[in-house]
């Protein structure tokens, strides 16, 4: 999510790395940018930077971005660009047009930028897992938060702004497990739990943090009750000895 007061240069730089790093084939890749208010300057800057990325073999030091993993996956990702145009989005930068010298044997698709995407479009609904960055435009922060919360997934999200109040409202109200403030990929330090909420969480516990400690701990339940020391005068009286049994204060149950 990008607010109008966000720093254009640093925001665009972060989004380019988060969207096209590893050719978008990573679980925390940014696939959708929600622009609050006017977004023309940001879209233009993203398009300029994405167009400057060199796509080529991973063995070539001049390459900024390598190929996708298989031909089938490349074709699948390319299909979303065709669908986006058919559904009314604006394909600002089309990665299908990239030409890699000697790349006939590689599964190459260049960085792609799609503007004026809506939540009903396949390019927004599905996890593409490729170098496609979608831009959704909304009028205000409340609408942006509602858009995030309506998504069935809740792995990670981020906000770019200079407004501390807006950042606080965002982190408190979004139903997402990992939140970044001016950090595009909000993967936390190892002593915090990694993983999202809603359909982005697999299993019952997160990977680490205190839940990880509990997951790796074998618990043992012990129930105890302590009698008072027996009175020597009552050692021969079973009823008196039984009467001395009690639960210490605060440990009943």
C-alpha atoms as a PDB file:
ATOM      1  CA  UNK A   1       0.000   0.000   0.000  1.00  0.00           C
ATOM      2  CA  UNK A   2       1.413   3.381  -1.019  1.00  0.00           C
ATOM      3  CA  UNK A   3       0.075   6.675   0.324  1.00  0.00           C
ATOM      4  CA  UNK A   4       0.507   9.958  -1.518  1.00  0.00           C
ATOM      5  CA  UNK A   5       3.044  11.259   1.001  1.00  0.00           C
ATOM      6  CA  UNK A   6       5.426   8.308   0.525  1.00  0.00           C
ATOM      7  CA  UNK A   7       8.927   9.006  -0.772  1.00  0.00           C
ATOM      8  CA  UNK A   8       8.709   8.211  -4.483  1.00  0.00           C
ATOM      9  CA  UNK A   9      12.300   7.156  -5.071  1.00  0.00           C
ATOM     10  CA  UNK A  10      12.753   4.813  -2.106  1.00  0.00           C
ATOM     11  CA  UNK A  11       9.254   3.360  -2.494  1.00  0.00           C
ATOM     12  CA  UNK A  12       9.719   2.562  -6.172  1.00  0.00           C
ATOM     13  CA  UNK A  13      13.125   1.034  -5.494  1.00  0.00           C
ATOM     14  CA  UNK A  14      11.716  -1.202  -2.764  1.00  0.00           C
ATOM     15  CA  UNK A  15       8.743  -2.312  -4.872  1.00  0.00           C
ATOM     16  CA  UNK A  16      10.901  -3.169  -7.881  1.00  0.00           C
ATOM     17  CA  UNK A  17      13.129  -5.403  -5.758  1.00  0.00           C
ATOM     18  CA  UNK A  18      10.193  -7.002  -3.975  1.00  0.00           C
ATOM     19  CA  UNK A  19       8.186  -7.593  -7.133  1.00  0.00           C
ATOM     20  CA  UNK A  20      10.870  -8.769  -9.558  1.00  0.00           C
ATOM     21  CA  UNK A  21      13.560 -10.241  -7.328  1.00  0.00           C
ATOM     22  CA  UNK A  22      14.008 -13.964  -8.050  1.00  0.00           C
ATOM     23  CA  UNK A  23      11.706 -13.357 -11.048  1.00  0.00           C
ATOM     24  CA  UNK A  24       8.826 -13.095  -8.590  1.00  0.00           C
ATOM     25  CA  UNK A  25       9.186 -16.784  -7.724  1.00  0.00           C
ATOM     26  CA  UNK A  26       9.278 -16.556  -3.947  1.00  0.00           C
ATOM     27  CA  UNK A  27       6.598 -16.758  -1.292  1.00  0.00           C
ATOM     28  CA  UNK A  28       7.041 -13.173  -0.115  1.00  0.00           C
ATOM     29  CA  UNK A  29       7.193 -11.548  -3.556  1.00  0.00           C
ATOM     30  CA  UNK A  30       5.028  -8.452  -3.830  1.00  0.00           C
ATOM     31  CA  UNK A  31       2.359  -9.038  -6.464  1.00  0.00           C
ATOM     32  CA  UNK A  32      -0.052  -6.137  -5.897  1.00  0.00           C
ATOM     33  CA  UNK A  33       0.511  -2.465  -5.101  1.00  0.00           C
ATOM     34  CA  UNK A  34      -2.492  -0.599  -3.688  1.00  0.00           C
ATOM     35  CA  UNK A  35      -2.113   3.094  -4.487  1.00  0.00           C
ATOM     36  CA  UNK A  36      -4.099   5.527  -2.345  1.00  0.00           C
ATOM     37  CA  UNK A  37      -5.050   8.643  -4.288  1.00  0.00           C
ATOM     38  CA  UNK A  38      -3.162   9.782  -7.362  1.00  0.00           C
ATOM     39  CA  UNK A  39      -0.839   7.071  -8.634  1.00  0.00           C
ATOM     40  CA  UNK A  40       0.345   8.264 -12.041  1.00  0.00           C
ATOM     41  CA  UNK A  41       3.802   9.356 -10.866  1.00  0.00           C
ATOM     42  CA  UNK A  42       4.408   6.078  -9.043  1.00  0.00           C
ATOM     43  CA  UNK A  43       3.237   3.959 -11.980  1.00  0.00           C
ATOM     44  CA  UNK A  44       5.462   5.929 -14.359  1.00  0.00           C
ATOM     45  CA  UNK A  45       8.459   5.486 -12.069  1.00  0.00           C
ATOM     46  CA  UNK A  46       7.795   1.757 -11.629  1.00  0.00           C
ATOM     47  CA  UNK A  47       7.500   1.369 -15.388  1.00  0.00           C
ATOM     48  CA  UNK A  48      10.760   3.208 -15.996  1.00  0.00           C
ATOM     49  CA  UNK A  49      12.684   1.143 -13.462  1.00  0.00           C
ATOM     50  CA  UNK A  50      11.152  -2.175 -14.532  1.00  0.00           C
ATOM     51  CA  UNK A  51      11.964  -1.492 -18.192  1.00  0.00           C
ATOM     52  CA  UNK A  52      15.614  -0.980 -17.227  1.00  0.00           C
ATOM     53  CA  UNK A  53      15.899  -4.490 -15.756  1.00  0.00           C
ATOM     54  CA  UNK A  54      18.001  -6.792 -17.926  1.00  0.00           C
ATOM     55  CA  UNK A  55      16.473 -10.243 -18.359  1.00  0.00           C
ATOM     56  CA  UNK A  56      18.908 -13.009 -19.242  1.00  0.00           C
ATOM     57  CA  UNK A  57      20.627 -16.229 -18.186  1.00  0.00           C
ATOM     58  CA  UNK A  58      21.508 -16.497 -14.522  1.00  0.00           C
ATOM     59  CA  UNK A  59      25.070 -17.348 -15.531  1.00  0.00           C
ATOM     60  CA  UNK A  60      25.498 -13.953 -17.198  1.00  0.00           C
ATOM     61  CA  UNK A  61      26.773 -11.279 -14.773  1.00  0.00           C
ATOM     62  CA  UNK A  62      24.927  -8.659 -16.828  1.00  0.00           C
ATOM     63  CA  UNK A  63      21.527 -10.221 -16.070  1.00  0.00           C
ATOM     64  CA  UNK A  64      19.341  -8.600 -13.426  1.00  0.00           C
ATOM     65  CA  UNK A  65      16.613 -11.233 -13.650  1.00  0.00           C
ATOM     66  CA  UNK A  66      16.781 -14.818 -14.827  1.00  0.00           C
ATOM     67  CA  UNK A  67      14.257 -17.181 -16.431  1.00  0.00           C
ATOM     68  CA  UNK A  68      11.239 -18.835 -14.854  1.00  0.00           C
ATOM     69  CA  UNK A  69      11.440 -22.402 -13.632  1.00  0.00           C
ATOM     70  CA  UNK A  70       9.658 -24.240 -16.481  1.00  0.00           C
ATOM     71  CA  UNK A  71       8.136 -23.552 -19.879  1.00  0.00           C
ATOM     72  CA  UNK A  72       4.685 -24.444 -18.552  1.00  0.00           C
ATOM     73  CA  UNK A  73       5.000 -21.919 -15.736  1.00  0.00           C
ATOM     74  CA  UNK A  74       6.247 -19.196 -18.076  1.00  0.00           C
ATOM     75  CA  UNK A  75       3.252 -19.765 -20.327  1.00  0.00           C
ATOM     76  CA  UNK A  76       0.922 -19.711 -17.328  1.00  0.00           C
ATOM     77  CA  UNK A  77       2.305 -16.370 -16.115  1.00  0.00           C
ATOM     78  CA  UNK A  78       2.161 -14.918 -19.621  1.00  0.00           C
ATOM     79  CA  UNK A  79      -1.482 -15.950 -19.801  1.00  0.00           C
ATOM     80  CA  UNK A  80      -2.324 -13.584 -16.950  1.00  0.00           C
ATOM     81  CA  UNK A  81      -1.052 -10.647 -19.003  1.00  0.00           C
ATOM     82  CA  UNK A  82      -3.390 -11.546 -21.828  1.00  0.00           C
ATOM     83  CA  UNK A  83      -6.294 -11.989 -19.415  1.00  0.00           C
ATOM     84  CA  UNK A  84      -5.581  -8.668 -17.678  1.00  0.00           C
ATOM     85  CA  UNK A  85      -5.870  -6.768 -20.944  1.00  0.00           C
ATOM     86  CA  UNK A  86      -9.080  -8.573 -21.836  1.00  0.00           C
ATOM     87  CA  UNK A  87     -10.600  -7.742 -18.448  1.00  0.00           C
ATOM     88  CA  UNK A  88      -9.922  -4.028 -18.794  1.00  0.00           C
ATOM     89  CA  UNK A  89      -6.583  -3.492 -17.045  1.00  0.00           C
ATOM     90  CA  UNK A  90      -3.787  -1.478 -18.648  1.00  0.00           C
ATOM     91  CA  UNK A  91      -0.645  -3.475 -19.406  1.00  0.00           C
ATOM     92  CA  UNK A  92       1.976  -0.771 -18.957  1.00  0.00           C
ATOM     93  CA  UNK A  93       4.958  -3.084 -19.480  1.00  0.00           C
ATOM     94  CA  UNK A  94       4.510  -6.449 -21.200  1.00  0.00           C
ATOM     95  CA  UNK A  95       7.153  -9.043 -20.328  1.00  0.00           C
ATOM     96  CA  UNK A  96       6.086 -11.221 -23.234  1.00  0.00           C
ATOM     97  CA  UNK A  97       7.873  -8.794 -25.522  1.00  0.00           C
ATOM     98  CA  UNK A  98      11.292  -9.329 -23.959  1.00  0.00           C
ATOM     99  CA  UNK A  99      13.967 -10.687 -26.271  1.00  0.00           C
ATOM    100  CA  UNK A 100      16.988 -12.460 -24.818  1.00  0.00           C
ATOM    101  CA  UNK A 101      19.900 -13.093 -27.238  1.00  0.00           C
ATOM    102  CA  UNK A 102      20.359 -16.829 -27.502  1.00  0.00           C
ATOM    103  CA  UNK A 103      17.466 -17.345 -25.093  1.00  0.00           C
ATOM    104  CA  UNK A 104      15.495 -19.789 -27.184  1.00  0.00           C
ATOM    105  CA  UNK A 105      16.270 -22.542 -24.707  1.00  0.00           C
ATOM    106  CA  UNK A 106      15.344 -20.511 -21.639  1.00  0.00           C
ATOM    107  CA  UNK A 107      11.959 -19.829 -20.105  1.00  0.00           C
ATOM    108  CA  UNK A 108      12.221 -16.066 -20.179  1.00  0.00           C
ATOM    109  CA  UNK A 109       9.555 -13.515 -19.351  1.00  0.00           C
ATOM    110  CA  UNK A 110      10.460  -9.910 -18.707  1.00  0.00           C
ATOM    111  CA  UNK A 111       9.213  -7.678 -15.872  1.00  0.00           C
ATOM    112  CA  UNK A 112       5.551  -6.819 -16.348  1.00  0.00           C
ATOM    113  CA  UNK A 113       3.516  -3.962 -14.903  1.00  0.00           C
ATOM    114  CA  UNK A 114      -0.286  -3.906 -14.998  1.00  0.00           C
ATOM    115  CA  UNK A 115      -2.190  -0.782 -13.943  1.00  0.00           C
ATOM    116  CA  UNK A 116      -5.842  -0.146 -13.027  1.00  0.00           C
ATOM    117  CA  UNK A 117      -6.389  -3.676 -11.775  1.00  0.00           C
ATOM    118  CA  UNK A 118      -9.563  -4.480  -9.835  1.00  0.00           C
ATOM    119  CA  UNK A 119     -10.133  -7.238  -7.256  1.00  0.00           C
ATOM    120  CA  UNK A 120     -12.383  -9.143  -9.674  1.00  0.00           C
ATOM    121  CA  UNK A 121      -9.561  -9.709 -12.157  1.00  0.00           C
ATOM    122  CA  UNK A 122      -7.605 -12.973 -12.276  1.00  0.00           C
ATOM    123  CA  UNK A 123      -4.298 -11.084 -12.149  1.00  0.00           C
ATOM    124  CA  UNK A 124      -5.315  -9.896  -8.667  1.00  0.00           C
ATOM    125  CA  UNK A 125      -7.174 -12.954  -7.354  1.00  0.00           C
ATOM    126  CA  UNK A 126      -4.519 -15.570  -8.095  1.00  0.00           C
ATOM    127  CA  UNK A 127      -0.978 -15.943  -6.831  1.00  0.00           C
ATOM    128  CA  UNK A 128       0.913 -15.621 -10.108  1.00  0.00           C
ATOM    129  CA  UNK A 129       4.375 -16.440  -8.748  1.00  0.00           C
ATOM    130  CA  UNK A 130       6.131 -14.589 -11.530  1.00  0.00           C
ATOM    131  CA  UNK A 131       7.457 -11.147 -12.529  1.00  0.00           C
ATOM    132  CA  UNK A 132       4.069  -9.432 -12.738  1.00  0.00           C
ATOM    133  CA  UNK A 133       3.320  -6.399 -10.569  1.00  0.00           C
ATOM    134  CA  UNK A 134      -0.298  -5.221 -10.441  1.00  0.00           C
ATOM    135  CA  UNK A 135      -1.431  -1.743  -9.405  1.00  0.00           C
ATOM    136  CA  UNK A 136      -4.837  -1.254  -7.755  1.00  0.00           C
ATOM    137  CA  UNK A 137      -6.080   2.291  -7.167  1.00  0.00           C
ATOM    138  CA  UNK A 138      -8.322   3.315  -4.254  1.00  0.00           C
ATOM    139  CA  UNK A 139      -9.512   6.658  -2.923  1.00  0.00           C
ATOM    140  CA  UNK A 140      -8.472   6.556   0.726  1.00  0.00           C
ATOM    141  CA  UNK A 141      -6.761   4.606   3.496  1.00  0.00           C
ATOM    142  CA  UNK A 142      -9.972   3.046   4.806  1.00  0.00           C
ATOM    143  CA  UNK A 143     -10.748   1.626   1.374  1.00  0.00           C
ATOM    144  CA  UNK A 144      -7.211   0.266   1.094  1.00  0.00           C
ATOM    145  CA  UNK A 145      -7.405  -1.470   4.480  1.00  0.00           C
ATOM    146  CA  UNK A 146     -10.813  -2.918   3.591  1.00  0.00           C
ATOM    147  CA  UNK A 147      -9.320  -4.270   0.368  1.00  0.00           C
ATOM    148  CA  UNK A 148      -6.495  -5.986   2.256  1.00  0.00           C
ATOM    149  CA  UNK A 149      -8.854  -7.465   4.838  1.00  0.00           C
ATOM    150  CA  UNK A 150     -11.236  -8.796   2.189  1.00  0.00           C
ATOM    151  CA  UNK A 151      -8.465 -10.926   0.706  1.00  0.00           C
ATOM    152  CA  UNK A 152      -8.642 -14.591   1.812  1.00  0.00           C
ATOM    153  CA  UNK A 153      -4.864 -14.650   2.266  1.00  0.00           C
ATOM    154  CA  UNK A 154      -2.938 -12.906   4.994  1.00  0.00           C
ATOM    155  CA  UNK A 155       0.758 -13.705   4.648  1.00  0.00           C
ATOM    156  CA  UNK A 156       2.431 -10.302   4.485  1.00  0.00           C
ATOM    157  CA  UNK A 157       1.612  -6.684   3.693  1.00  0.00           C
ATOM    158  CA  UNK A 158       3.338  -3.317   3.857  1.00  0.00           C
ATOM    159  CA  UNK A 159       2.566   0.385   3.867  1.00  0.00           C
ATOM    160  CA  UNK A 160       4.727   3.192   2.500  1.00  0.00           C
ATOM    161  CA  UNK A 161       4.069   6.561   4.107  1.00  0.00           C
ATOM    162  CA  UNK A 162       5.593   9.389   6.122  1.00  0.00           C
ATOM    163  CA  UNK A 163       2.447   9.620   8.272  1.00  0.00           C
ATOM    164  CA  UNK A 164       2.859   7.888  11.630  1.00  0.00           C
ATOM    165  CA  UNK A 165      -0.870   8.007  12.373  1.00  0.00           C
ATOM    166  CA  UNK A 166      -1.691   6.274   9.076  1.00  0.00           C
ATOM    167  CA  UNK A 167       0.980   3.646   9.713  1.00  0.00           C
ATOM    168  CA  UNK A 168      -0.410   2.956  13.195  1.00  0.00           C
ATOM    169  CA  UNK A 169      -3.959   2.651  11.873  1.00  0.00           C
ATOM    170  CA  UNK A 170      -2.768   0.287   9.154  1.00  0.00           C
ATOM    171  CA  UNK A 171      -0.823  -2.063  11.410  1.00  0.00           C
ATOM    172  CA  UNK A 172      -3.635  -2.212  13.944  1.00  0.00           C
ATOM    173  CA  UNK A 173      -6.477  -2.823  11.522  1.00  0.00           C
ATOM    174  CA  UNK A 174      -5.088  -5.136   8.829  1.00  0.00           C
ATOM    175  CA  UNK A 175      -5.727  -8.846   9.391  1.00  0.00           C
ATOM    176  CA  UNK A 176      -2.341  -9.993   8.138  1.00  0.00           C
ATOM    177  CA  UNK A 177       0.339 -11.887  10.018  1.00  0.00           C
ATOM    178  CA  UNK A 178       3.455  -9.977   8.918  1.00  0.00           C
ATOM    179  CA  UNK A 179       3.359  -6.197   8.469  1.00  0.00           C
ATOM    180  CA  UNK A 180       6.002  -3.856   7.088  1.00  0.00           C
ATOM    181  CA  UNK A 181       6.146  -0.079   7.479  1.00  0.00           C
ATOM    182  CA  UNK A 182       8.266   1.287   4.642  1.00  0.00           C
ATOM    183  CA  UNK A 183       9.632  -2.256   4.342  1.00  0.00           C
ATOM    184  CA  UNK A 184       8.389  -4.087   1.255  1.00  0.00           C
ATOM    185  CA  UNK A 185       9.075  -7.660   2.374  1.00  0.00           C
ATOM    186  CA  UNK A 186       8.257  -7.809   6.101  1.00  0.00           C
ATOM    187  CA  UNK A 187       9.986 -11.084   6.989  1.00  0.00           C
ATOM    188  CA  UNK A 188      10.796 -10.690  10.699  1.00  0.00           C
ATOM    189  CA  UNK A 189      13.915 -11.566  12.625  1.00  0.00           C
ATOM    190  CA  UNK A 190      14.320 -15.219  13.538  1.00  0.00           C
ATOM    191  CA  UNK A 191      13.114 -14.826  17.113  1.00  0.00           C
ATOM    192  CA  UNK A 192       9.669 -13.791  15.829  1.00  0.00           C
ATOM    193  CA  UNK A 193       7.219 -16.121  14.147  1.00  0.00           C
ATOM    194  CA  UNK A 194       7.287 -16.366  10.354  1.00  0.00           C
ATOM    195  CA  UNK A 195       3.970 -16.962   8.671  1.00  0.00           C
ATOM    196  CA  UNK A 196       0.711 -15.305   7.892  1.00  0.00           C
ATOM    197  CA  UNK A 197      -2.927 -15.447   8.918  1.00  0.00           C
ATOM    198  CA  UNK A 198      -6.083 -16.782   7.274  1.00  0.00           C
ATOM    199  CA  UNK A 199      -5.419 -19.140   4.348  1.00  0.00           C
ATOM    200  CA  UNK A 200      -1.717 -18.244   4.353  1.00  0.00           C
ATOM    201  CA  UNK A 201      -1.044 -20.245   7.535  1.00  0.00           C
ATOM    202  CA  UNK A 202      -0.423 -23.972   7.283  1.00  0.00           C
ATOM    203  CA  UNK A 203      -0.811 -26.084  10.428  1.00  0.00           C
ATOM    204  CA  UNK A 204      -1.699 -24.984  13.931  1.00  0.00           C
ATOM    205  CA  UNK A 205       1.439 -23.096  14.925  1.00  0.00           C
ATOM    206  CA  UNK A 206       3.970 -20.705  13.449  1.00  0.00           C
ATOM    207  CA  UNK A 207       7.515 -21.734  12.628  1.00  0.00           C
ATOM    208  CA  UNK A 208       9.342 -20.113  15.520  1.00  0.00           C
ATOM    209  CA  UNK A 209       9.019 -17.604  18.317  1.00  0.00           C
ATOM    210  CA  UNK A 210       7.339 -18.891  21.485  1.00  0.00           C
ATOM    211  CA  UNK A 211       4.990 -21.103  19.463  1.00  0.00           C
ATOM    212  CA  UNK A 212       8.041 -22.814  18.003  1.00  0.00           C
ATOM    213  CA  UNK A 213       9.378 -23.467  21.499  1.00  0.00           C
ATOM    214  CA  UNK A 214       6.079 -25.025  22.513  1.00  0.00           C
ATOM    215  CA  UNK A 215       5.957 -27.074  19.309  1.00  0.00           C
ATOM    216  CA  UNK A 216       9.387 -28.558  20.001  1.00  0.00           C
ATOM    217  CA  UNK A 217       8.673 -29.199  23.690  1.00  0.00           C
ATOM    218  CA  UNK A 218       7.289 -32.472  25.023  1.00  0.00           C
ATOM    219  CA  UNK A 219       4.939 -31.520  27.822  1.00  0.00           C
ATOM    220  CA  UNK A 220       4.374 -33.577  30.947  1.00  0.00           C
ATOM    221  CA  UNK A 221       1.364 -32.964  33.211  1.00  0.00           C
ATOM    222  CA  UNK A 222       1.814 -33.730  36.902  1.00  0.00           C
ATOM    223  CA  UNK A 223      -1.026 -33.661  39.414  1.00  0.00           C
ATOM    224  CA  UNK A 224       0.006 -33.528  43.075  1.00  0.00           C
ATOM    225  CA  UNK A 225      -1.502 -33.374  46.528  1.00  0.00           C
ATOM    226  CA  UNK A 226       0.573 -33.035  49.700  1.00  0.00           C
ATOM    227  CA  UNK A 227      -0.523 -34.230  53.154  1.00  0.00           C
ATOM    228  CA  UNK A 228       0.628 -32.397  56.233  1.00  0.00           C
ATOM    229  CA  UNK A 229       3.231 -34.230  58.316  1.00  0.00           C
ATOM    230  CA  UNK A 230       1.504 -36.815  60.423  1.00  0.00           C
ATOM    231  CA  UNK A 231       0.972 -36.048  64.116  1.00  0.00           C
ATOM    232  CA  UNK A 232       2.858 -38.746  66.075  1.00  0.00           C
ATOM    233  CA  UNK A 233      -0.062 -38.978  68.502  1.00  0.00           C
ATOM    234  CA  UNK A 234      -2.436 -39.842  65.655  1.00  0.00           C
ATOM    235  CA  UNK A 235      -0.280 -42.424  63.831  1.00  0.00           C
ATOM    236  CA  UNK A 236      -2.549 -45.236  64.974  1.00  0.00           C
ATOM    237  CA  UNK A 237      -5.775 -43.425  63.998  1.00  0.00           C
ATOM    238  CA  UNK A 238      -6.421 -43.775  60.196  1.00  0.00           C
ATOM    239  CA  UNK A 239      -9.336 -41.306  60.288  1.00  0.00           C
ATOM    240  CA  UNK A 240      -7.196 -38.599  61.869  1.00  0.00           C
ATOM    241  CA  UNK A 241      -4.407 -39.135  59.347  1.00  0.00           C
ATOM    242  CA  UNK A 242      -6.858 -38.880  56.437  1.00  0.00           C
ATOM    243  CA  UNK A 243      -8.216 -35.633  57.816  1.00  0.00           C
ATOM    244  CA  UNK A 244      -4.770 -34.056  57.528  1.00  0.00           C
ATOM    245  CA  UNK A 245      -4.791 -34.323  53.694  1.00  0.00           C
ATOM    246  CA  UNK A 246      -5.522 -30.988  52.025  1.00  0.00           C
ATOM    247  CA  UNK A 247      -4.669 -28.844  48.980  1.00  0.00           C
ATOM    248  CA  UNK A 248      -2.104 -26.125  49.685  1.00  0.00           C
ATOM    249  CA  UNK A 249      -3.440 -22.615  49.271  1.00  0.00           C
ATOM    250  CA  UNK A 250      -3.698 -21.570  45.589  1.00  0.00           C
ATOM    251  CA  UNK A 251      -3.105 -25.086  44.209  1.00  0.00           C
ATOM    252  CA  UNK A 252      -6.623 -26.490  44.460  1.00  0.00           C
ATOM    253  CA  UNK A 253      -7.699 -28.519  41.458  1.00  0.00           C
END
